Protein backbone atom coordinates (compact mmCIF):
# COMPACT_ATOMS: atom_id res chain seq x y z
CA MET A 1 10.51 -12.27 23.82
CA GLN A 2 13.76 -11.12 22.36
CA ILE A 3 14.22 -7.74 20.73
CA GLU A 4 16.43 -7.99 17.66
CA PRO A 5 17.94 -5.44 15.30
CA LEU A 6 15.94 -4.86 12.14
CA SER A 7 17.38 -7.11 9.46
CA ALA A 8 16.43 -8.88 6.27
CA GLU A 9 16.82 -12.18 8.13
CA LEU A 10 14.27 -11.07 10.74
CA ILE A 11 11.78 -10.08 8.04
CA GLU A 12 12.33 -13.33 6.18
CA ARG A 13 11.93 -15.37 9.37
CA TYR A 14 8.60 -13.65 10.05
CA LEU A 15 7.34 -14.19 6.49
CA VAL A 16 8.36 -17.85 6.54
CA SER A 17 6.69 -18.35 9.94
CA ARG A 18 3.44 -17.02 8.47
CA GLU A 19 3.86 -19.33 5.46
CA LEU A 20 3.75 -16.36 3.10
CA ARG A 21 5.26 -16.63 -0.35
CA PHE A 22 7.53 -13.74 -1.23
CA PHE A 23 10.27 -12.59 -3.54
CA ARG A 24 13.51 -11.16 -2.21
CA SER A 25 15.67 -8.70 -4.16
CA ASP A 26 19.26 -9.40 -5.16
CA ASP A 27 20.56 -7.03 -2.46
CA GLY A 28 18.38 -8.90 0.05
CA GLU A 29 16.72 -5.83 1.59
CA ASP A 30 13.54 -5.71 -0.49
CA PHE A 31 10.68 -8.16 -0.17
CA LEU A 32 7.60 -8.39 -2.36
CA LEU A 33 4.49 -10.28 -1.32
CA VAL A 34 1.41 -10.75 -3.46
CA LEU A 35 -1.69 -11.21 -1.32
CA SER A 36 -4.79 -12.51 -3.08
CA ASN A 37 -7.44 -12.20 -0.38
CA TYR A 38 -8.37 -8.68 -1.39
CA GLU A 39 -11.82 -7.92 -2.85
CA ARG A 40 -10.55 -6.20 -6.01
CA GLY A 41 -7.92 -8.79 -6.69
CA LYS A 42 -4.36 -8.95 -5.51
CA LEU A 43 -2.40 -6.57 -3.31
CA HIS A 44 1.31 -6.00 -3.75
CA VAL A 45 3.10 -5.52 -0.44
CA HIS A 46 6.64 -4.22 -0.61
CA LEU A 47 8.85 -4.34 2.50
CA ARG A 48 12.19 -2.56 2.49
CA ILE A 49 14.94 -1.83 4.98
CA ASN A 50 16.14 1.73 4.49
CA GLY A 51 17.87 4.64 6.17
CA LEU A 52 21.48 5.59 6.78
CA ARG A 53 21.70 3.09 9.63
CA ARG A 54 19.46 0.50 7.93
CA ASP A 55 16.97 0.91 10.78
CA ILE A 56 13.83 2.04 8.97
CA LEU A 57 11.20 -0.44 7.86
CA GLU A 58 9.19 0.84 4.89
CA ILE A 59 5.91 -0.82 3.96
CA SER A 60 4.14 -0.02 0.68
CA VAL A 61 0.81 -1.49 -0.37
CA SER A 62 -0.81 -1.17 -3.79
CA PRO A 63 -3.39 -3.02 -5.83
CA ALA A 64 -1.97 -5.29 -8.51
CA ALA A 65 -4.06 -3.49 -11.15
CA TYR A 66 -3.79 0.14 -12.19
CA TYR A 67 -6.57 2.69 -12.52
CA PRO A 68 -7.50 4.43 -15.78
CA ALA A 69 -5.70 7.78 -16.06
CA THR A 70 -9.09 9.39 -16.67
CA GLU A 71 -9.82 8.69 -12.99
CA ARG A 72 -6.81 10.74 -11.83
CA PRO A 73 -8.86 13.75 -10.57
CA ARG A 74 -11.14 11.51 -8.50
CA LEU A 75 -8.19 9.49 -7.22
CA MET A 76 -6.35 12.67 -6.22
CA GLU A 77 -9.43 13.86 -4.37
CA LEU A 78 -9.84 10.52 -2.58
CA VAL A 79 -6.14 10.29 -1.70
CA ASN A 80 -6.10 13.87 -0.40
CA GLU A 81 -9.16 13.11 1.72
CA TRP A 82 -7.51 9.93 3.04
CA ASN A 83 -4.31 11.82 3.93
CA ARG A 84 -6.32 14.55 5.67
CA ASP A 85 -8.30 12.04 7.74
CA ASN A 86 -5.50 9.53 8.40
CA HIS A 87 -2.11 10.65 9.59
CA TRP A 88 -0.74 7.21 8.89
CA PRO A 89 -0.20 5.56 6.48
CA LYS A 90 -0.05 8.07 3.65
CA ALA A 91 -1.36 7.49 0.15
CA PHE A 92 -0.04 8.73 -3.18
CA VAL A 93 -1.14 8.69 -6.82
CA ARG A 94 1.76 7.53 -8.97
CA GLU A 95 2.62 7.52 -12.64
CA THR A 96 2.93 4.16 -14.36
CA PRO A 97 4.88 3.05 -17.42
CA GLN A 98 1.56 3.25 -19.31
CA PRO A 99 0.35 6.84 -19.81
CA SER A 100 -3.24 5.57 -19.91
CA HIS A 101 -3.02 4.31 -16.31
CA VAL A 102 -2.09 5.58 -12.84
CA GLY A 103 -1.33 3.74 -9.63
CA VAL A 104 -2.17 4.40 -6.00
CA VAL A 105 0.10 3.30 -3.18
CA GLY A 106 -0.22 3.45 0.61
CA GLU A 107 3.10 3.89 2.42
CA THR A 108 4.28 3.86 5.99
CA ALA A 109 7.66 3.70 7.69
CA TYR A 110 8.88 2.79 11.16
CA LEU A 111 12.14 3.84 12.75
CA LEU A 112 13.40 0.76 14.57
CA ALA A 113 16.78 1.94 15.85
CA ASP A 114 16.31 0.03 19.11
CA GLY A 115 15.27 -3.16 17.34
CA ILE A 116 11.99 -5.00 17.41
CA HIS A 117 10.42 -8.27 18.52
CA VAL A 118 9.27 -10.52 15.67
CA ALA A 119 5.64 -10.34 16.89
CA ALA A 120 5.71 -6.53 16.81
CA LEU A 121 7.21 -6.67 13.33
CA GLY A 122 4.26 -8.83 12.32
CA ASN A 123 1.84 -6.30 13.82
CA PHE A 124 3.46 -3.49 11.83
CA ILE A 125 3.23 -5.43 8.59
CA LYS A 126 -0.33 -6.57 9.28
CA SER A 127 -1.56 -3.08 10.15
CA GLY A 128 0.11 -1.60 7.06
CA VAL A 129 -1.66 -4.17 4.86
CA GLU A 130 -5.01 -3.69 6.61
CA TYR A 131 -4.90 0.09 6.28
CA GLY A 132 -3.91 -0.29 2.63
CA ALA A 133 -6.80 -2.66 1.98
CA ASP A 134 -9.16 -0.19 3.67
CA LEU A 135 -7.85 2.64 1.48
CA PHE A 136 -8.34 0.64 -1.71
CA ALA A 137 -11.80 -0.52 -0.66
CA LYS A 138 -12.81 3.13 -0.18
CA ILE A 139 -11.32 4.06 -3.54
CA ASP A 140 -13.08 1.16 -5.29
CA GLN A 141 -16.40 2.11 -3.73
CA ALA A 142 -16.03 5.74 -4.79
CA ILE A 143 -14.81 4.88 -8.29
CA SER A 144 -17.82 2.63 -8.88
CA LEU A 145 -20.16 5.59 -8.31
CA PRO A 146 -20.75 8.04 -11.14
CA SER A 147 -18.67 11.21 -10.93
CA ALA A 148 -20.26 14.64 -10.55
CA ASP A 149 -19.29 15.34 -14.18
CA ALA A 150 -21.05 12.19 -15.37
CA LEU A 151 -24.17 13.12 -13.41
CA GLU A 152 -24.14 16.64 -14.88
CA GLU A 153 -23.79 15.25 -18.41
CA TRP A 154 -26.65 12.85 -17.78
CA MET A 155 -28.85 15.65 -16.39
CA ASP A 156 -28.03 17.83 -19.42
CA ARG A 157 -29.01 15.02 -21.79
CA THR A 158 -32.19 14.07 -19.95
CA GLY A 159 -33.25 17.42 -18.52
């Protein structure tokens, strides 16, 4: 087991060893994977080397589809609850190019100044994806339920 410095080559070697299809940016330090074994559809996984010394691995996970902007209050509530209950990874509601939609992303980062073994790198990536999938499953479950506002409107109409 050899510990190696964090590098794009190390990330690529891991992804290739797992037979994962990915896209690599022109500068070589960004990787995008599209995973399709998620209940709601596809997950976008973005891996990036960052930091002044290029020793931080950032992992972002988001669903391939956006949420309606009308769901923003519920999403903010769910994301705030997630961030309160989970110290890692963190979740954020993001703007999209379409004003009628918003996105949610789960993000984590690891300082790897001393390097990392390829198996540990795989564990970091896998856990980031699993936590992201858990976050989006919780969001999807909550979004499928009627909101308190919808229940109040229904009670007003029927009561």
